[in-house]
PDB file of N, CA and C in Angstrom:
ATOM      1  N   MET A   1     -49.952 -68.074 -63.709  1.00  0.00           N
ATOM      2  CA  MET A   1     -50.938 -67.198 -63.130  1.00  0.00           C
ATOM      3  C   MET A   1     -51.062 -65.932 -63.959  1.00  0.00           C
ATOM      4  N   GLY A   2     -52.248 -65.353 -63.975  1.00  0.00           N
ATOM      5  CA  GLY A   2     -52.508 -64.130 -64.733  1.00  0.00           C
ATOM      6  C   GLY A   2     -52.009 -62.898 -63.995  1.00  0.00           C
ATOM      7  N   LYS A   3     -51.895 -61.838 -64.745  1.00  0.00           N
ATOM      8  CA  LYS A   3     -51.451 -60.571 -64.179  1.00  0.00           C
ATOM      9  C   LYS A   3     -52.622 -59.893 -63.461  1.00  0.00           C
ATOM     10  N   THR A   4     -52.359 -59.365 -62.293  1.00  0.00           N
ATOM     11  CA  THR A   4     -53.392 -58.650 -61.543  1.00  0.00           C
ATOM     12  C   THR A   4     -53.568 -57.266 -62.155  1.00  0.00           C
ATOM     13  N   VAL A   5     -54.803 -56.901 -62.414  1.00  0.00           N
ATOM     14  CA  VAL A   5     -55.112 -55.596 -62.994  1.00  0.00           C
ATOM     15  C   VAL A   5     -55.423 -54.630 -61.856  1.00  0.00           C
ATOM     16  N   GLU A   6     -54.761 -53.464 -61.884  1.00  0.00           N
ATOM     17  CA  GLU A   6     -55.006 -52.483 -60.830  1.00  0.00           C
ATOM     18  C   GLU A   6     -56.417 -51.917 -60.965  1.00  0.00           C
ATOM     19  N   SER A   7     -56.966 -51.477 -59.847  1.00  0.00           N
ATOM     20  CA  SER A   7     -58.301 -50.908 -59.864  1.00  0.00           C
ATOM     21  C   SER A   7     -58.291 -49.591 -60.641  1.00  0.00           C
ATOM     22  N   PHE A   8     -59.466 -49.172 -61.075  1.00  0.00           N
ATOM     23  CA  PHE A   8     -59.541 -47.913 -61.813  1.00  0.00           C
ATOM     24  C   PHE A   8     -59.086 -46.753 -60.946  1.00  0.00           C
ATOM     25  N   ARG A   9     -59.494 -46.763 -59.682  1.00  0.00           N
ATOM     26  CA  ARG A   9     -59.102 -45.658 -58.785  1.00  0.00           C
ATOM     27  C   ARG A   9     -57.585 -45.574 -58.642  1.00  0.00           C
ATOM     28  N   MET A  10     -56.916 -46.705 -58.560  1.00  0.00           N
ATOM     29  CA  MET A  10     -55.456 -46.702 -58.473  1.00  0.00           C
ATOM     30  C   MET A  10     -54.848 -46.188 -59.770  1.00  0.00           C
ATOM     31  N   ALA A  11     -55.403 -46.627 -60.899  1.00  0.00           N
ATOM     32  CA  ALA A  11     -54.916 -46.173 -62.192  1.00  0.00           C
ATOM     33  C   ALA A  11     -55.167 -44.677 -62.371  1.00  0.00           C
ATOM     34  N   LEU A  12     -56.311 -44.198 -61.875  1.00  0.00           N
ATOM     35  CA  LEU A  12     -56.642 -42.782 -61.944  1.00  0.00           C
ATOM     36  C   LEU A  12     -55.627 -41.959 -61.154  1.00  0.00           C
ATOM     37  N   GLU A  13     -55.335 -42.378 -59.937  1.00  0.00           N
ATOM     38  CA  GLU A  13     -54.363 -41.653 -59.116  1.00  0.00           C
ATOM     39  C   GLU A  13     -52.974 -41.677 -59.762  1.00  0.00           C
ATOM     40  N   SER A  14     -52.642 -42.779 -60.390  1.00  0.00           N
ATOM     41  CA  SER A  14     -51.366 -42.863 -61.097  1.00  0.00           C
ATOM     42  C   SER A  14     -51.319 -41.864 -62.257  1.00  0.00           C
ATOM     43  N   GLU A  15     -52.406 -41.765 -63.001  1.00  0.00           N
ATOM     44  CA  GLU A  15     -52.481 -40.814 -64.116  1.00  0.00           C
ATOM     45  C   GLU A  15     -52.433 -39.374 -63.589  1.00  0.00           C
ATOM     46  N   ILE A  16     -53.115 -39.110 -62.497  1.00  0.00           N
ATOM     47  CA  ILE A  16     -53.091 -37.774 -61.896  1.00  0.00           C
ATOM     48  C   ILE A  16     -51.669 -37.436 -61.456  1.00  0.00           C
ATOM     49  N   ASN A  17     -50.989 -38.394 -60.849  1.00  0.00           N
ATOM     50  CA  ASN A  17     -49.595 -38.170 -60.439  1.00  0.00           C
ATOM     51  C   ASN A  17     -48.700 -37.899 -61.641  1.00  0.00           C
ATOM     52  N   HIS A  18     -49.016 -38.525 -62.758  1.00  0.00           N
ATOM     53  CA  HIS A  18     -48.262 -38.310 -63.995  1.00  0.00           C
ATOM     54  C   HIS A  18     -48.328 -36.838 -64.423  1.00  0.00           C
ATOM     55  N   TRP A  19     -49.440 -36.178 -64.137  1.00  0.00           N
ATOM     56  CA  TRP A  19     -49.653 -34.780 -64.514  1.00  0.00           C
ATOM     57  C   TRP A  19     -49.216 -33.795 -63.421  1.00  0.00           C
ATOM     58  N   SER A  20     -48.651 -34.280 -62.334  1.00  0.00           N
ATOM     59  CA  SER A  20     -48.329 -33.408 -61.206  1.00  0.00           C
ATOM     60  C   SER A  20     -47.287 -32.338 -61.555  1.00  0.00           C
ATOM     61  N   GLY A  21     -46.323 -32.658 -62.391  1.00  0.00           N
ATOM     62  CA  GLY A  21     -45.334 -31.657 -62.805  1.00  0.00           C
ATOM     63  C   GLY A  21     -45.984 -30.521 -63.572  1.00  0.00           C
ATOM     64  N   PHE A  22     -46.901 -30.868 -64.451  1.00  0.00           N
ATOM     65  CA  PHE A  22     -47.649 -29.861 -65.198  1.00  0.00           C
ATOM     66  C   PHE A  22     -48.439 -28.985 -64.231  1.00  0.00           C
ATOM     67  N   ALA A  23     -49.100 -29.615 -63.283  1.00  0.00           N
ATOM     68  CA  ALA A  23     -49.924 -28.876 -62.320  1.00  0.00           C
ATOM     69  C   ALA A  23     -49.074 -27.913 -61.491  1.00  0.00           C
ATOM     70  N   ARG A  24     -47.898 -28.357 -61.063  1.00  0.00           N
ATOM     71  CA  ARG A  24     -47.026 -27.489 -60.260  1.00  0.00           C
ATOM     72  C   ARG A  24     -46.537 -26.282 -61.051  1.00  0.00           C
ATOM     73  N   ALA A  25     -46.430 -26.407 -62.365  1.00  0.00           N
ATOM     74  CA  ALA A  25     -45.926 -25.317 -63.202  1.00  0.00           C
ATOM     75  C   ALA A  25     -46.986 -24.252 -63.479  1.00  0.00           C
ATOM     76  N   LEU A  26     -48.240 -24.530 -63.184  1.00  0.00           N
ATOM     77  CA  LEU A  26     -49.321 -23.589 -63.472  1.00  0.00           C
ATOM     78  C   LEU A  26     -49.333 -22.410 -62.509  1.00  0.00           C
ATOM     79  N   ARG A  27     -49.827 -21.281 -63.017  1.00  0.00           N
ATOM     80  CA  ARG A  27     -50.077 -20.140 -62.130  1.00  0.00           C
ATOM     81  C   ARG A  27     -51.169 -20.527 -61.135  1.00  0.00           C
ATOM     82  N   LYS A  28     -51.248 -19.763 -60.038  1.00  0.00           N
ATOM     83  CA  LYS A  28     -52.172 -20.107 -58.952  1.00  0.00           C
ATOM     84  C   LYS A  28     -53.610 -20.282 -59.442  1.00  0.00           C
ATOM     85  N   GLU A  29     -54.122 -19.305 -60.217  1.00  0.00           N
ATOM     86  CA  GLU A  29     -55.517 -19.400 -60.646  1.00  0.00           C
ATOM     87  C   GLU A  29     -55.729 -20.558 -61.623  1.00  0.00           C
ATOM     88  N   ASP A  30     -54.718 -20.836 -62.442  1.00  0.00           N
ATOM     89  CA  ASP A  30     -54.819 -21.971 -63.353  1.00  0.00           C
ATOM     90  C   ASP A  30     -54.747 -23.288 -62.580  1.00  0.00           C
ATOM     91  N   ARG A  31     -53.912 -23.313 -61.540  1.00  0.00           N
ATOM     92  CA  ARG A  31     -53.779 -24.516 -60.714  1.00  0.00           C
ATOM     93  C   ARG A  31     -55.096 -24.819 -60.017  1.00  0.00           C
ATOM     94  N   GLU A  32     -55.771 -23.781 -59.533  1.00  0.00           N
ATOM     95  CA  GLU A  32     -57.064 -23.980 -58.884  1.00  0.00           C
ATOM     96  C   GLU A  32     -58.074 -24.576 -59.866  1.00  0.00           C
ATOM     97  N   ALA A  33     -58.080 -24.080 -61.099  1.00  0.00           N
ATOM     98  CA  ALA A  33     -58.980 -24.626 -62.117  1.00  0.00           C
ATOM     99  C   ALA A  33     -58.601 -26.070 -62.451  1.00  0.00           C
ATOM    100  N   PHE A  34     -57.300 -26.332 -62.552  1.00  0.00           N
ATOM    101  CA  PHE A  34     -56.827 -27.690 -62.825  1.00  0.00           C
ATOM    102  C   PHE A  34     -57.260 -28.643 -61.702  1.00  0.00           C
ATOM    103  N   ASP A  35     -57.120 -28.186 -60.459  1.00  0.00           N
ATOM    104  CA  ASP A  35     -57.532 -29.009 -59.317  1.00  0.00           C
ATOM    105  C   ASP A  35     -59.024 -29.320 -59.358  1.00  0.00           C
ATOM    106  N   GLU A  36     -59.815 -28.363 -59.827  1.00  0.00           N
ATOM    107  CA  GLU A  36     -61.256 -28.609 -59.973  1.00  0.00           C
ATOM    108  C   GLU A  36     -61.520 -29.673 -61.042  1.00  0.00           C
ATOM    109  N   LEU A  37     -60.754 -29.639 -62.124  1.00  0.00           N
ATOM    110  CA  LEU A  37     -60.907 -30.664 -63.164  1.00  0.00           C
ATOM    111  C   LEU A  37     -60.550 -32.042 -62.609  1.00  0.00           C
ATOM    112  N   ILE A  38     -59.475 -32.099 -61.841  1.00  0.00           N
ATOM    113  CA  ILE A  38     -59.065 -33.374 -61.249  1.00  0.00           C
ATOM    114  C   ILE A  38     -60.132 -33.859 -60.260  1.00  0.00           C
ATOM    115  N   ALA A  39     -60.723 -32.937 -59.520  1.00  0.00           N
ATOM    116  CA  ALA A  39     -61.805 -33.314 -58.603  1.00  0.00           C
ATOM    117  C   ALA A  39     -62.980 -33.897 -59.381  1.00  0.00           C
ATOM    118  N   SER A  40     -63.235 -33.361 -60.591  1.00  0.00           N
ATOM    119  CA  SER A  40     -64.299 -33.919 -61.445  1.00  0.00           C
ATOM    120  C   SER A  40     -63.996 -35.365 -61.790  1.00  0.00           C
ATOM    121  N   CYS A  41     -62.746 -35.630 -62.102  1.00  0.00           N
ATOM    122  CA  CYS A  41     -62.349 -37.006 -62.438  1.00  0.00           C
ATOM    123  C   CYS A  41     -62.589 -37.933 -61.257  1.00  0.00           C
ATOM    124  N   ARG A  42     -62.197 -37.489 -60.092  1.00  0.00           N
ATOM    125  CA  ARG A  42     -62.369 -38.327 -58.895  1.00  0.00           C
ATOM    126  C   ARG A  42     -63.844 -38.524 -58.565  1.00  0.00           C
ATOM    127  N   SER A  43     -64.662 -37.501 -58.808  1.00  0.00           N
ATOM    128  CA  SER A  43     -66.076 -37.616 -58.443  1.00  0.00           C
ATOM    129  C   SER A  43     -66.831 -38.610 -59.328  1.00  0.00           C
ATOM    130  N   TYR A  44     -66.311 -38.884 -60.513  1.00  0.00           N
ATOM    131  CA  TYR A  44     -66.948 -39.849 -61.410  1.00  0.00           C
ATOM    132  C   TYR A  44     -66.158 -41.158 -61.499  1.00  0.00           C
ATOM    133  N   ALA A  45     -65.300 -41.410 -60.539  1.00  0.00           N
ATOM    134  CA  ALA A  45     -64.472 -42.617 -60.571  1.00  0.00           C
ATOM    135  C   ALA A  45     -65.310 -43.895 -60.528  1.00  0.00           C
ATOM    136  N   SER A  46     -66.360 -43.899 -59.742  1.00  0.00           N
ATOM    137  CA  SER A  46     -67.202 -45.105 -59.656  1.00  0.00           C
ATOM    138  C   SER A  46     -67.848 -45.424 -60.999  1.00  0.00           C
ATOM    139  N   GLU A  47     -68.346 -44.388 -61.668  1.00  0.00           N
ATOM    140  CA  GLU A  47     -68.964 -44.601 -62.978  1.00  0.00           C
ATOM    141  C   GLU A  47     -67.911 -45.016 -64.007  1.00  0.00           C
ATOM    142  N   SER A  48     -66.740 -44.447 -63.895  1.00  0.00           N
ATOM    143  CA  SER A  48     -65.668 -44.763 -64.843  1.00  0.00           C
ATOM    144  C   SER A  48     -65.170 -46.189 -64.677  1.00  0.00           C
ATOM    145  N   THR A  49     -65.308 -46.729 -63.495  1.00  0.00           N
ATOM    146  CA  THR A  49     -64.895 -48.114 -63.245  1.00  0.00           C
ATOM    147  C   THR A  49     -65.663 -49.065 -64.143  1.00  0.00           C
ATOM    148  N   ASP A  50     -66.886 -48.714 -64.473  1.00  0.00           N
ATOM    149  CA  ASP A  50     -67.726 -49.577 -65.303  1.00  0.00           C
ATOM    150  C   ASP A  50     -67.377 -49.514 -66.788  1.00  0.00           C
ATOM    151  N   ALA A  51     -66.489 -48.601 -67.173  1.00  0.00           N
ATOM    152  CA  ALA A  51     -66.083 -48.509 -68.577  1.00  0.00           C
ATOM    153  C   ALA A  51     -65.292 -49.765 -68.945  1.00  0.00           C
ATOM    154  N   ALA A  52     -65.584 -50.307 -70.091  1.00  0.00           N
ATOM    155  CA  ALA A  52     -64.930 -51.548 -70.517  1.00  0.00           C
ATOM    156  C   ALA A  52     -63.474 -51.319 -70.918  1.00  0.00           C
ATOM    157  N   ASP A  53     -63.148 -50.123 -71.345  1.00  0.00           N
ATOM    158  CA  ASP A  53     -61.799 -49.809 -71.806  1.00  0.00           C
ATOM    159  C   ASP A  53     -60.843 -49.719 -70.627  1.00  0.00           C
ATOM    160  N   SER A  54     -59.620 -50.167 -70.815  1.00  0.00           N
ATOM    161  CA  SER A  54     -58.636 -50.102 -69.738  1.00  0.00           C
ATOM    162  C   SER A  54     -57.873 -48.776 -69.742  1.00  0.00           C
ATOM    163  N   ASP A  55     -58.142 -47.918 -70.710  1.00  0.00           N
ATOM    164  CA  ASP A  55     -57.495 -46.613 -70.775  1.00  0.00           C
ATOM    165  C   ASP A  55     -58.100 -45.702 -69.717  1.00  0.00           C
ATOM    166  N   VAL A  56     -57.272 -45.069 -68.925  1.00  0.00           N
ATOM    167  CA  VAL A  56     -57.743 -44.212 -67.840  1.00  0.00           C
ATOM    168  C   VAL A  56     -58.055 -42.809 -68.333  1.00  0.00           C
ATOM    169  N   PHE A  57     -57.329 -42.352 -69.326  1.00  0.00           N
ATOM    170  CA  PHE A  57     -57.431 -40.962 -69.756  1.00  0.00           C
ATOM    171  C   PHE A  57     -58.805 -40.631 -70.350  1.00  0.00           C
ATOM    172  N   GLU A  58     -59.392 -41.531 -71.119  1.00  0.00           N
ATOM    173  CA  GLU A  58     -60.694 -41.256 -71.735  1.00  0.00           C
ATOM    174  C   GLU A  58     -61.798 -41.031 -70.697  1.00  0.00           C
ATOM    175  N   PRO A  59     -61.942 -41.901 -69.683  1.00  0.00           N
ATOM    176  CA  PRO A  59     -62.955 -41.600 -68.664  1.00  0.00           C
ATOM    177  C   PRO A  59     -62.660 -40.303 -67.912  1.00  0.00           C
ATOM    178  N   MET A  60     -61.373 -39.963 -67.740  1.00  0.00           N
ATOM    179  CA  MET A  60     -61.028 -38.695 -67.091  1.00  0.00           C
ATOM    180  C   MET A  60     -61.578 -37.532 -67.907  1.00  0.00           C
ATOM    181  N   ILE A  61     -61.344 -37.563 -69.215  1.00  0.00           N
ATOM    182  CA  ILE A  61     -61.812 -36.482 -70.094  1.00  0.00           C
ATOM    183  C   ILE A  61     -63.335 -36.414 -70.095  1.00  0.00           C
ATOM    184  N   LEU A  62     -63.991 -37.567 -70.159  1.00  0.00           N
ATOM    185  CA  LEU A  62     -65.459 -37.569 -70.143  1.00  0.00           C
ATOM    186  C   LEU A  62     -65.999 -37.030 -68.821  1.00  0.00           C
ATOM    187  N   SER A  63     -65.335 -37.329 -67.720  1.00  0.00           N
ATOM    188  CA  SER A  63     -65.753 -36.792 -66.423  1.00  0.00           C
ATOM    189  C   SER A  63     -65.644 -35.272 -66.406  1.00  0.00           C
ATOM    190  N   ILE A  64     -64.543 -34.766 -66.950  1.00  0.00           N
ATOM    191  CA  ILE A  64     -64.341 -33.316 -67.013  1.00  0.00           C
ATOM    192  C   ILE A  64     -65.400 -32.679 -67.901  1.00  0.00           C
ATOM    193  N   LEU A  65     -65.650 -33.271 -69.062  1.00  0.00           N
ATOM    194  CA  LEU A  65     -66.661 -32.726 -69.974  1.00  0.00           C
ATOM    195  C   LEU A  65     -68.046 -32.727 -69.332  1.00  0.00           C
ATOM    196  N   LEU A  66     -68.368 -33.785 -68.622  1.00  0.00           N
ATOM    197  CA  LEU A  66     -69.674 -33.859 -67.960  1.00  0.00           C
ATOM    198  C   LEU A  66     -69.808 -32.763 -66.905  1.00  0.00           C
ATOM    199  N   ALA A  67     -68.761 -32.571 -66.111  1.00  0.00           N
ATOM    200  CA  ALA A  67     -68.795 -31.520 -65.092  1.00  0.00           C
ATOM    201  C   ALA A  67     -68.921 -30.142 -65.743  1.00  0.00           C
ATOM    202  N   GLN A  68     -68.216 -29.926 -66.855  1.00  0.00           N
ATOM    203  CA  GLN A  68     -68.309 -28.656 -67.568  1.00  0.00           C
ATOM    204  C   GLN A  68     -69.724 -28.447 -68.113  1.00  0.00           C
ATOM    205  N   GLN A  69     -70.293 -29.500 -68.669  1.00  0.00           N
ATOM    206  CA  GLN A  69     -71.648 -29.409 -69.224  1.00  0.00           C
ATOM    207  C   GLN A  69     -72.660 -29.079 -68.133  1.00  0.00           C
ATOM    208  N   LEU A  70     -72.528 -29.720 -66.980  1.00  0.00           N
ATOM    209  CA  LEU A  70     -73.441 -29.428 -65.875  1.00  0.00           C
ATOM    210  C   LEU A  70     -73.312 -27.966 -65.444  1.00  0.00           C
ATOM    211  N   GLY A  71     -72.088 -27.448 -65.434  1.00  0.00           N
ATOM    212  CA  GLY A  71     -71.883 -26.039 -65.096  1.00  0.00           C
ATOM    213  C   GLY A  71     -72.530 -25.116 -66.106  1.00  0.00           C
ATOM    214  N   LEU A  72     -72.407 -25.453 -67.387  1.00  0.00           N
ATOM    215  CA  LEU A  72     -73.030 -24.641 -68.427  1.00  0.00           C
ATOM    216  C   LEU A  72     -74.548 -24.649 -68.313  1.00  0.00           C
ATOM    217  N   VAL A  73     -75.100 -25.807 -68.022  1.00  0.00           N
ATOM    218  CA  VAL A  73     -76.560 -25.912 -67.871  1.00  0.00           C
ATOM    219  C   VAL A  73     -77.027 -25.031 -66.715  1.00  0.00           C
ATOM    220  N   LYS A  74     -76.268 -25.022 -65.623  1.00  0.00           N
ATOM    221  CA  LYS A  74     -76.635 -24.167 -64.488  1.00  0.00           C
ATOM    222  C   LYS A  74     -76.618 -22.698 -64.886  1.00  0.00           C
ATOM    223  N   ILE A  75     -75.630 -22.298 -65.670  1.00  0.00           N
ATOM    224  CA  ILE A  75     -75.537 -20.902 -66.101  1.00  0.00           C
ATOM    225  C   ILE A  75     -76.694 -20.549 -67.032  1.00  0.00           C
ATOM    226  N   VAL A  76     -76.987 -21.423 -67.985  1.00  0.00           N
ATOM    227  CA  VAL A  76     -78.040 -21.151 -68.973  1.00  0.00           C
ATOM    228  C   VAL A  76     -79.407 -21.072 -68.312  1.00  0.00           C
ATOM    229  N   TYR A  77     -79.682 -21.970 -67.373  1.00  0.00           N
ATOM    230  CA  TYR A  77     -81.005 -22.025 -66.767  1.00  0.00           C
ATOM    231  C   TYR A  77     -81.126 -21.246 -65.469  1.00  0.00           C
ATOM    232  N   ASN A  78     -80.074 -20.544 -65.079  1.00  0.00           N
ATOM    233  CA  ASN A  78     -80.124 -19.720 -63.875  1.00  0.00           C
ATOM    234  C   ASN A  78     -79.626 -18.330 -64.231  1.00  0.00           C
ATOM    235  N   PRO A  79     -80.521 -17.449 -64.623  1.00  0.00           N
ATOM    236  CA  PRO A  79     -80.103 -16.119 -65.077  1.00  0.00           C
ATOM    237  C   PRO A  79     -79.469 -15.260 -63.998  1.00  0.00           C
ATOM    238  N   THR A  80     -79.531 -15.692 -62.742  1.00  0.00           N
ATOM    239  CA  THR A  80     -78.920 -14.893 -61.674  1.00  0.00           C
ATOM    240  C   THR A  80     -77.428 -15.167 -61.520  1.00  0.00           C
ATOM    241  N   VAL A  81     -76.911 -16.164 -62.238  1.00  0.00           N
ATOM    242  CA  VAL A  81     -75.480 -16.470 -62.160  1.00  0.00           C
ATOM    243  C   VAL A  81     -74.690 -15.354 -62.826  1.00  0.00           C
ATOM    244  N   ASP A  82     -73.676 -14.856 -62.152  1.00  0.00           N
ATOM    245  CA  ASP A  82     -72.819 -13.805 -62.696  1.00  0.00           C
ATOM    246  C   ASP A  82     -71.805 -14.445 -63.642  1.00  0.00           C
ATOM    247  N   VAL A  83     -71.973 -14.216 -64.943  1.00  0.00           N
ATOM    248  CA  VAL A  83     -71.080 -14.822 -65.931  1.00  0.00           C
ATOM    249  C   VAL A  83     -69.937 -13.891 -66.327  1.00  0.00           C
ATOM    250  N   GLU A  84     -69.901 -12.682 -65.810  1.00  0.00           N
ATOM    251  CA  GLU A  84     -68.843 -11.742 -66.201  1.00  0.00           C
ATOM    252  C   GLU A  84     -67.439 -12.296 -65.939  1.00  0.00           C
ATOM    253  N   PRO A  85     -67.169 -12.917 -64.766  1.00  0.00           N
ATOM    254  CA  PRO A  85     -65.828 -13.491 -64.590  1.00  0.00           C
ATOM    255  C   PRO A  85     -65.502 -14.553 -65.637  1.00  0.00           C
ATOM    256  N   LEU A  86     -66.509 -15.319 -66.048  1.00  0.00           N
ATOM    257  CA  LEU A  86     -66.281 -16.325 -67.083  1.00  0.00           C
ATOM    258  C   LEU A  86     -65.992 -15.678 -68.420  1.00  0.00           C
ATOM    259  N   VAL A  87     -66.681 -14.608 -68.737  1.00  0.00           N
ATOM    260  CA  VAL A  87     -66.454 -13.888 -69.995  1.00  0.00           C
ATOM    261  C   VAL A  87     -65.044 -13.313 -70.006  1.00  0.00           C
ATOM    262  N   GLN A  88     -64.636 -12.723 -68.899  1.00  0.00           N
ATOM    263  CA  GLN A  88     -63.291 -12.158 -68.829  1.00  0.00           C
ATOM    264  C   GLN A  88     -62.238 -13.245 -68.997  1.00  0.00           C
ATOM    265  N   LEU A  89     -62.429 -14.378 -68.356  1.00  0.00           N
ATOM    266  CA  LEU A  89     -61.489 -15.479 -68.476  1.00  0.00           C
ATOM    267  C   LEU A  89     -61.444 -15.978 -69.912  1.00  0.00           C
ATOM    268  N   THR A  90     -62.597 -16.095 -70.539  1.00  0.00           N
ATOM    269  CA  THR A  90     -62.653 -16.546 -71.923  1.00  0.00           C
ATOM    270  C   THR A  90     -61.923 -15.571 -72.836  1.00  0.00           C
ATOM    271  N   GLU A  91     -62.134 -14.288 -72.645  1.00  0.00           N
ATOM    272  CA  GLU A  91     -61.457 -13.285 -73.467  1.00  0.00           C
ATOM    273  C   GLU A  91     -59.949 -13.348 -73.267  1.00  0.00           C
ATOM    274  N   LYS A  92     -59.519 -13.536 -72.033  1.00  0.00           N
ATOM    275  CA  LYS A  92     -58.096 -13.650 -71.736  1.00  0.00           C
ATOM    276  C   LYS A  92     -57.521 -14.874 -72.445  1.00  0.00           C
ATOM    277  N   GLY A  93     -58.247 -15.977 -72.372  1.00  0.00           N
ATOM    278  CA  GLY A  93     -57.806 -17.203 -73.036  1.00  0.00           C
ATOM    279  C   GLY A  93     -57.735 -17.043 -74.544  1.00  0.00           C
ATOM    280  N   LYS A  94     -58.711 -16.342 -75.127  1.00  0.00           N
ATOM    281  CA  LYS A  94     -58.699 -16.098 -76.574  1.00  0.00           C
ATOM    282  C   LYS A  94     -57.474 -15.303 -76.965  1.00  0.00           C
ATOM    283  N   GLN A  95     -57.179 -14.264 -76.204  1.00  0.00           N
ATOM    284  CA  GLN A  95     -56.034 -13.411 -76.510  1.00  0.00           C
ATOM    285  C   GLN A  95     -54.735 -14.213 -76.437  1.00  0.00           C
ATOM    286  N   GLN A  96     -54.597 -15.056 -75.422  1.00  0.00           N
ATOM    287  CA  GLN A  96     -53.397 -15.872 -75.295  1.00  0.00           C
ATOM    288  C   GLN A  96     -53.283 -16.849 -76.462  1.00  0.00           C
ATOM    289  N   ALA A  97     -54.407 -17.428 -76.871  1.00  0.00           N
ATOM    290  CA  ALA A  97     -54.385 -18.354 -77.998  1.00  0.00           C
ATOM    291  C   ALA A  97     -53.987 -17.640 -79.287  1.00  0.00           C
ATOM    292  N   ILE A  98     -54.514 -16.440 -79.501  1.00  0.00           N
ATOM    293  CA  ILE A  98     -54.177 -15.655 -80.693  1.00  0.00           C
ATOM    294  C   ILE A  98     -52.689 -15.319 -80.698  1.00  0.00           C
ATOM    295  N   GLU A  99     -52.173 -14.895 -79.532  1.00  0.00           N
ATOM    296  CA  GLU A  99     -50.749 -14.571 -79.440  1.00  0.00           C
ATOM    297  C   GLU A  99     -49.881 -15.785 -79.752  1.00  0.00           C
ATOM    298  N   LEU A 100     -50.287 -16.947 -79.246  1.00  0.00           N
ATOM    299  CA  LEU A 100     -49.524 -18.170 -79.524  1.00  0.00           C
ATOM    300  C   LEU A 100     -49.552 -18.527 -80.996  1.00  0.00           C
ATOM    301  N   LEU A 101     -50.709 -18.391 -81.617  1.00  0.00           N
ATOM    302  CA  LEU A 101     -50.850 -18.744 -83.029  1.00  0.00           C
ATOM    303  C   LEU A 101     -49.976 -17.879 -83.922  1.00  0.00           C
ATOM    304  N   PHE A 102     -49.965 -16.579 -83.637  1.00  0.00           N
ATOM    305  CA  PHE A 102     -49.266 -15.655 -84.520  1.00  0.00           C
ATOM    306  C   PHE A 102     -47.813 -15.428 -84.140  1.00  0.00           C
ATOM    307  N   SER A 103     -47.378 -15.976 -83.031  1.00  0.00           N
ATOM    308  CA  SER A 103     -45.973 -15.812 -82.646  1.00  0.00           C
ATOM    309  C   SER A 103     -45.081 -16.847 -83.309  1.00  0.00           C
ATOM    310  N   GLN A 104     -45.665 -17.819 -83.964  1.00  0.00           N
ATOM    311  CA  GLN A 104     -44.874 -18.897 -84.586  1.00  0.00           C
ATOM    312  C   GLN A 104     -44.548 -18.605 -86.016  1.00  0.00           C
TER     313      GLN A 104
END
């Protein structure tokens, strides 16, 4: 008899559980952002099921990228969106990246 292949949703939850230690180690605001990324993965699970590849991580990344792209489109085409918090977060992230690069 052949091996039973787990459903994509089961494989997705398994991959998410694999990252749970990383998620627990995050600061509160980072954890909230991480949870939003994971929610993006779950929201595109049906579409990801149709992917021919058995790798779970690639559809997860594409789901996250799609959700990010949709958010960017909303910001670009809606001038009333307050982007200042995003700019501050980006600047903070840049500074942390610079510190990491030059501390080695």
